[in-house]
């Protein structure tokens, strides 16, 4: 029986199945769940929950972040040290001002996807990434996926 589990574990490891990243539907769903959580609990409690890396808004490589329309990070499930940081001028690997793109989509469309390139913390390589953003009051929520 032990040998069976070792074989299954090896298959998952070699195929990457056990470490699959989140999907576009999961990212969008997490943002929608986060918006509902804000309505039910208020933004202070919600931002604390979003930033908790062991909380209900972090799932594998998916996490919620909140940024105001001036580029200030209000919550970040991937890196709590980013809370309070100005991200307005942040650029991707191709010099795209993607935070500004997030703001533009949130303000003009209410929600949508933004594509850019970012370092994947698992592979350590620059990869295509897409983030779903949704406007909430004077800030937006976001959750991104790597597009392998």
C-alpha atoms as a PDB file:
ATOM      1  CA  UNK A   1       0.000   0.000   0.000  1.00  0.00           C
ATOM      2  CA  UNK A   2       2.848   2.369   0.840  1.00  0.00           C
ATOM      3  CA  UNK A   3       4.392   1.754  -2.586  1.00  0.00           C
ATOM      4  CA  UNK A   4       1.065   2.666  -4.257  1.00  0.00           C
ATOM      5  CA  UNK A   5       1.047   6.082  -2.555  1.00  0.00           C
ATOM      6  CA  UNK A   6       4.664   6.698  -3.520  1.00  0.00           C
ATOM      7  CA  UNK A   7       3.827   5.974  -7.175  1.00  0.00           C
ATOM      8  CA  UNK A   8       0.756   8.250  -7.093  1.00  0.00           C
ATOM      9  CA  UNK A   9       2.800  11.017  -5.457  1.00  0.00           C
ATOM     10  CA  UNK A  10       5.513  10.649  -8.108  1.00  0.00           C
ATOM     11  CA  UNK A  11       2.938  10.892 -10.919  1.00  0.00           C
ATOM     12  CA  UNK A  12       1.470  14.061  -9.408  1.00  0.00           C
ATOM     13  CA  UNK A  13       4.918  15.565  -8.920  1.00  0.00           C
ATOM     14  CA  UNK A  14       6.158  14.778 -12.424  1.00  0.00           C
ATOM     15  CA  UNK A  15       2.987  15.946 -14.186  1.00  0.00           C
ATOM     16  CA  UNK A  16       2.467  18.991 -12.010  1.00  0.00           C
ATOM     17  CA  UNK A  17      -1.088  17.885 -11.278  1.00  0.00           C
ATOM     18  CA  UNK A  18      -0.678  18.210  -7.522  1.00  0.00           C
ATOM     19  CA  UNK A  19       0.587  21.782  -7.893  1.00  0.00           C
ATOM     20  CA  UNK A  20      -1.814  23.093 -10.504  1.00  0.00           C
ATOM     21  CA  UNK A  21      -2.429  26.810 -10.344  1.00  0.00           C
ATOM     22  CA  UNK A  22      -5.794  28.472 -10.160  1.00  0.00           C
ATOM     23  CA  UNK A  23      -8.017  28.910 -13.197  1.00  0.00           C
ATOM     24  CA  UNK A  24      -9.591  32.048 -14.639  1.00  0.00           C
ATOM     25  CA  UNK A  25     -13.007  30.993 -13.338  1.00  0.00           C
ATOM     26  CA  UNK A  26     -11.580  30.409  -9.866  1.00  0.00           C
ATOM     27  CA  UNK A  27      -9.849  33.808  -9.838  1.00  0.00           C
ATOM     28  CA  UNK A  28     -13.007  35.616 -10.940  1.00  0.00           C
ATOM     29  CA  UNK A  29     -15.047  33.662  -8.394  1.00  0.00           C
ATOM     30  CA  UNK A  30     -12.627  34.585  -5.605  1.00  0.00           C
ATOM     31  CA  UNK A  31     -12.926  38.289  -6.478  1.00  0.00           C
ATOM     32  CA  UNK A  32     -16.726  38.024  -6.466  1.00  0.00           C
ATOM     33  CA  UNK A  33     -16.613  36.206  -3.116  1.00  0.00           C
ATOM     34  CA  UNK A  34     -14.324  38.952  -1.756  1.00  0.00           C
ATOM     35  CA  UNK A  35     -16.708  41.699  -2.897  1.00  0.00           C
ATOM     36  CA  UNK A  36     -19.599  39.935  -1.143  1.00  0.00           C
ATOM     37  CA  UNK A  37     -17.454  39.569   1.991  1.00  0.00           C
ATOM     38  CA  UNK A  38     -16.857  43.337   2.038  1.00  0.00           C
ATOM     39  CA  UNK A  39     -20.605  43.997   1.819  1.00  0.00           C
ATOM     40  CA  UNK A  40     -21.320  41.582   4.664  1.00  0.00           C
ATOM     41  CA  UNK A  41     -18.404  42.472   6.975  1.00  0.00           C
ATOM     42  CA  UNK A  42     -17.098  45.923   6.078  1.00  0.00           C
ATOM     43  CA  UNK A  43     -13.830  46.782   4.409  1.00  0.00           C
ATOM     44  CA  UNK A  44     -11.616  46.864   7.536  1.00  0.00           C
ATOM     45  CA  UNK A  45     -12.435  43.297   8.509  1.00  0.00           C
ATOM     46  CA  UNK A  46     -12.332  42.227   4.862  1.00  0.00           C
ATOM     47  CA  UNK A  47      -8.914  43.771   4.183  1.00  0.00           C
ATOM     48  CA  UNK A  48      -7.491  42.019   7.248  1.00  0.00           C
ATOM     49  CA  UNK A  49      -8.944  38.712   6.033  1.00  0.00           C
ATOM     50  CA  UNK A  50      -7.649  39.247   2.480  1.00  0.00           C
ATOM     51  CA  UNK A  51      -4.128  39.894   3.794  1.00  0.00           C
ATOM     52  CA  UNK A  52      -4.126  36.777   6.015  1.00  0.00           C
ATOM     53  CA  UNK A  53      -2.076  34.254   4.033  1.00  0.00           C
ATOM     54  CA  UNK A  54      -3.809  31.429   5.908  1.00  0.00           C
ATOM     55  CA  UNK A  55      -7.260  32.945   5.453  1.00  0.00           C
ATOM     56  CA  UNK A  56     -10.177  32.041   3.227  1.00  0.00           C
ATOM     57  CA  UNK A  57      -9.055  34.307   0.366  1.00  0.00           C
ATOM     58  CA  UNK A  58      -5.775  32.531  -0.388  1.00  0.00           C
ATOM     59  CA  UNK A  59      -5.994  29.317  -2.408  1.00  0.00           C
ATOM     60  CA  UNK A  60      -2.811  27.803  -3.904  1.00  0.00           C
ATOM     61  CA  UNK A  61      -1.431  30.601  -6.110  1.00  0.00           C
ATOM     62  CA  UNK A  62      -4.675  32.601  -5.965  1.00  0.00           C
ATOM     63  CA  UNK A  63      -5.048  35.482  -3.536  1.00  0.00           C
ATOM     64  CA  UNK A  64      -7.012  38.699  -3.264  1.00  0.00           C
ATOM     65  CA  UNK A  65      -5.494  42.151  -3.290  1.00  0.00           C
ATOM     66  CA  UNK A  66      -7.111  45.577  -2.995  1.00  0.00           C
ATOM     67  CA  UNK A  67      -5.659  48.803  -4.382  1.00  0.00           C
ATOM     68  CA  UNK A  68      -7.160  52.300  -4.390  1.00  0.00           C
ATOM     69  CA  UNK A  69      -7.372  54.431  -7.521  1.00  0.00           C
ATOM     70  CA  UNK A  70      -4.190  56.284  -6.578  1.00  0.00           C
ATOM     71  CA  UNK A  71      -2.249  52.992  -6.587  1.00  0.00           C
ATOM     72  CA  UNK A  72      -2.004  52.478  -2.801  1.00  0.00           C
ATOM     73  CA  UNK A  73      -2.189  48.830  -1.736  1.00  0.00           C
ATOM     74  CA  UNK A  74      -4.941  48.337   0.859  1.00  0.00           C
ATOM     75  CA  UNK A  75      -4.753  44.531   1.221  1.00  0.00           C
ATOM     76  CA  UNK A  76      -2.564  41.816  -0.291  1.00  0.00           C
ATOM     77  CA  UNK A  77      -2.907  38.081   0.281  1.00  0.00           C
ATOM     78  CA  UNK A  78       0.332  37.281  -1.527  1.00  0.00           C
ATOM     79  CA  UNK A  79       2.607  39.645   0.396  1.00  0.00           C
ATOM     80  CA  UNK A  80       1.449  41.539   3.497  1.00  0.00           C
ATOM     81  CA  UNK A  81       4.533  43.804   3.256  1.00  0.00           C
ATOM     82  CA  UNK A  82       2.968  45.464   0.208  1.00  0.00           C
ATOM     83  CA  UNK A  83       0.061  46.895   2.246  1.00  0.00           C
ATOM     84  CA  UNK A  84       0.491  50.663   2.406  1.00  0.00           C
ATOM     85  CA  UNK A  85       2.845  50.721  -0.595  1.00  0.00           C
ATOM     86  CA  UNK A  86       2.308  52.941  -3.633  1.00  0.00           C
ATOM     87  CA  UNK A  87       2.169  50.682  -6.703  1.00  0.00           C
ATOM     88  CA  UNK A  88       0.945  53.255  -9.241  1.00  0.00           C
ATOM     89  CA  UNK A  89       4.191  53.285 -11.246  1.00  0.00           C
ATOM     90  CA  UNK A  90       4.834  49.520 -11.128  1.00  0.00           C
ATOM     91  CA  UNK A  91       5.828  48.074 -14.519  1.00  0.00           C
ATOM     92  CA  UNK A  92       5.899  44.539 -15.840  1.00  0.00           C
ATOM     93  CA  UNK A  93       8.718  42.878 -17.788  1.00  0.00           C
ATOM     94  CA  UNK A  94       7.664  44.780 -20.947  1.00  0.00           C
ATOM     95  CA  UNK A  95       7.433  48.164 -19.151  1.00  0.00           C
ATOM     96  CA  UNK A  96       3.631  48.038 -19.081  1.00  0.00           C
ATOM     97  CA  UNK A  97       2.158  50.115 -16.245  1.00  0.00           C
ATOM     98  CA  UNK A  98      -0.205  47.327 -15.294  1.00  0.00           C
ATOM     99  CA  UNK A  99      -1.527  48.809 -12.037  1.00  0.00           C
ATOM    100  CA  UNK A 100      -2.659  51.791 -14.086  1.00  0.00           C
ATOM    101  CA  UNK A 101      -4.295  49.331 -16.486  1.00  0.00           C
ATOM    102  CA  UNK A 102      -6.086  47.697 -13.537  1.00  0.00           C
ATOM    103  CA  UNK A 103      -7.364  51.120 -12.442  1.00  0.00           C
ATOM    104  CA  UNK A 104      -8.499  52.017 -15.964  1.00  0.00           C
ATOM    105  CA  UNK A 105     -10.449  48.775 -16.418  1.00  0.00           C
ATOM    106  CA  UNK A 106     -12.049  49.040 -12.969  1.00  0.00           C
ATOM    107  CA  UNK A 107     -13.049  52.678 -13.467  1.00  0.00           C
ATOM    108  CA  UNK A 108     -14.321  52.411 -17.054  1.00  0.00           C
ATOM    109  CA  UNK A 109     -15.761  48.891 -17.231  1.00  0.00           C
ATOM    110  CA  UNK A 110     -16.407  48.026 -13.580  1.00  0.00           C
ATOM    111  CA  UNK A 111     -14.587  44.723 -14.010  1.00  0.00           C
ATOM    112  CA  UNK A 112     -12.455  42.812 -16.482  1.00  0.00           C
ATOM    113  CA  UNK A 113      -9.161  41.125 -17.269  1.00  0.00           C
ATOM    114  CA  UNK A 114      -5.723  42.717 -17.715  1.00  0.00           C
ATOM    115  CA  UNK A 115      -2.831  40.818 -19.314  1.00  0.00           C
ATOM    116  CA  UNK A 116       0.823  41.467 -18.461  1.00  0.00           C
ATOM    117  CA  UNK A 117       4.057  39.600 -17.758  1.00  0.00           C
ATOM    118  CA  UNK A 118       5.312  38.834 -14.261  1.00  0.00           C
ATOM    119  CA  UNK A 119       7.763  36.549 -12.488  1.00  0.00           C
ATOM    120  CA  UNK A 120       6.114  33.328 -11.404  1.00  0.00           C
ATOM    121  CA  UNK A 121       7.291  32.605  -7.840  1.00  0.00           C
ATOM    122  CA  UNK A 122       7.135  28.843  -8.490  1.00  0.00           C
ATOM    123  CA  UNK A 123       9.049  28.663 -11.789  1.00  0.00           C
ATOM    124  CA  UNK A 124      11.132  31.835 -11.194  1.00  0.00           C
ATOM    125  CA  UNK A 125      10.497  32.719 -14.864  1.00  0.00           C
ATOM    126  CA  UNK A 126       8.760  35.695 -16.462  1.00  0.00           C
ATOM    127  CA  UNK A 127       5.388  34.385 -17.615  1.00  0.00           C
ATOM    128  CA  UNK A 128       2.156  35.681 -19.046  1.00  0.00           C
ATOM    129  CA  UNK A 129      -0.256  36.620 -16.299  1.00  0.00           C
ATOM    130  CA  UNK A 130      -3.852  37.784 -16.365  1.00  0.00           C
ATOM    131  CA  UNK A 131      -5.612  39.493 -13.475  1.00  0.00           C
ATOM    132  CA  UNK A 132      -9.326  39.925 -12.975  1.00  0.00           C
ATOM    133  CA  UNK A 133     -10.200  43.260 -11.373  1.00  0.00           C
ATOM    134  CA  UNK A 134     -13.491  44.557  -9.987  1.00  0.00           C
ATOM    135  CA  UNK A 135     -14.352  48.087  -8.860  1.00  0.00           C
ATOM    136  CA  UNK A 136     -15.656  48.466  -5.321  1.00  0.00           C
ATOM    137  CA  UNK A 137     -16.269  52.066  -4.219  1.00  0.00           C
ATOM    138  CA  UNK A 138     -12.997  54.015  -4.697  1.00  0.00           C
ATOM    139  CA  UNK A 139     -10.741  50.954  -5.026  1.00  0.00           C
ATOM    140  CA  UNK A 140     -10.609  47.644  -6.841  1.00  0.00           C
ATOM    141  CA  UNK A 141     -10.124  44.010  -5.934  1.00  0.00           C
ATOM    142  CA  UNK A 142      -7.946  41.727  -8.008  1.00  0.00           C
ATOM    143  CA  UNK A 143      -6.842  38.135  -8.389  1.00  0.00           C
ATOM    144  CA  UNK A 144      -4.426  36.867 -11.033  1.00  0.00           C
ATOM    145  CA  UNK A 145      -3.503  33.653 -12.782  1.00  0.00           C
ATOM    146  CA  UNK A 146      -0.419  32.540 -14.680  1.00  0.00           C
ATOM    147  CA  UNK A 147      -1.173  31.514 -18.262  1.00  0.00           C
ATOM    148  CA  UNK A 148       1.071  28.550 -19.025  1.00  0.00           C
END
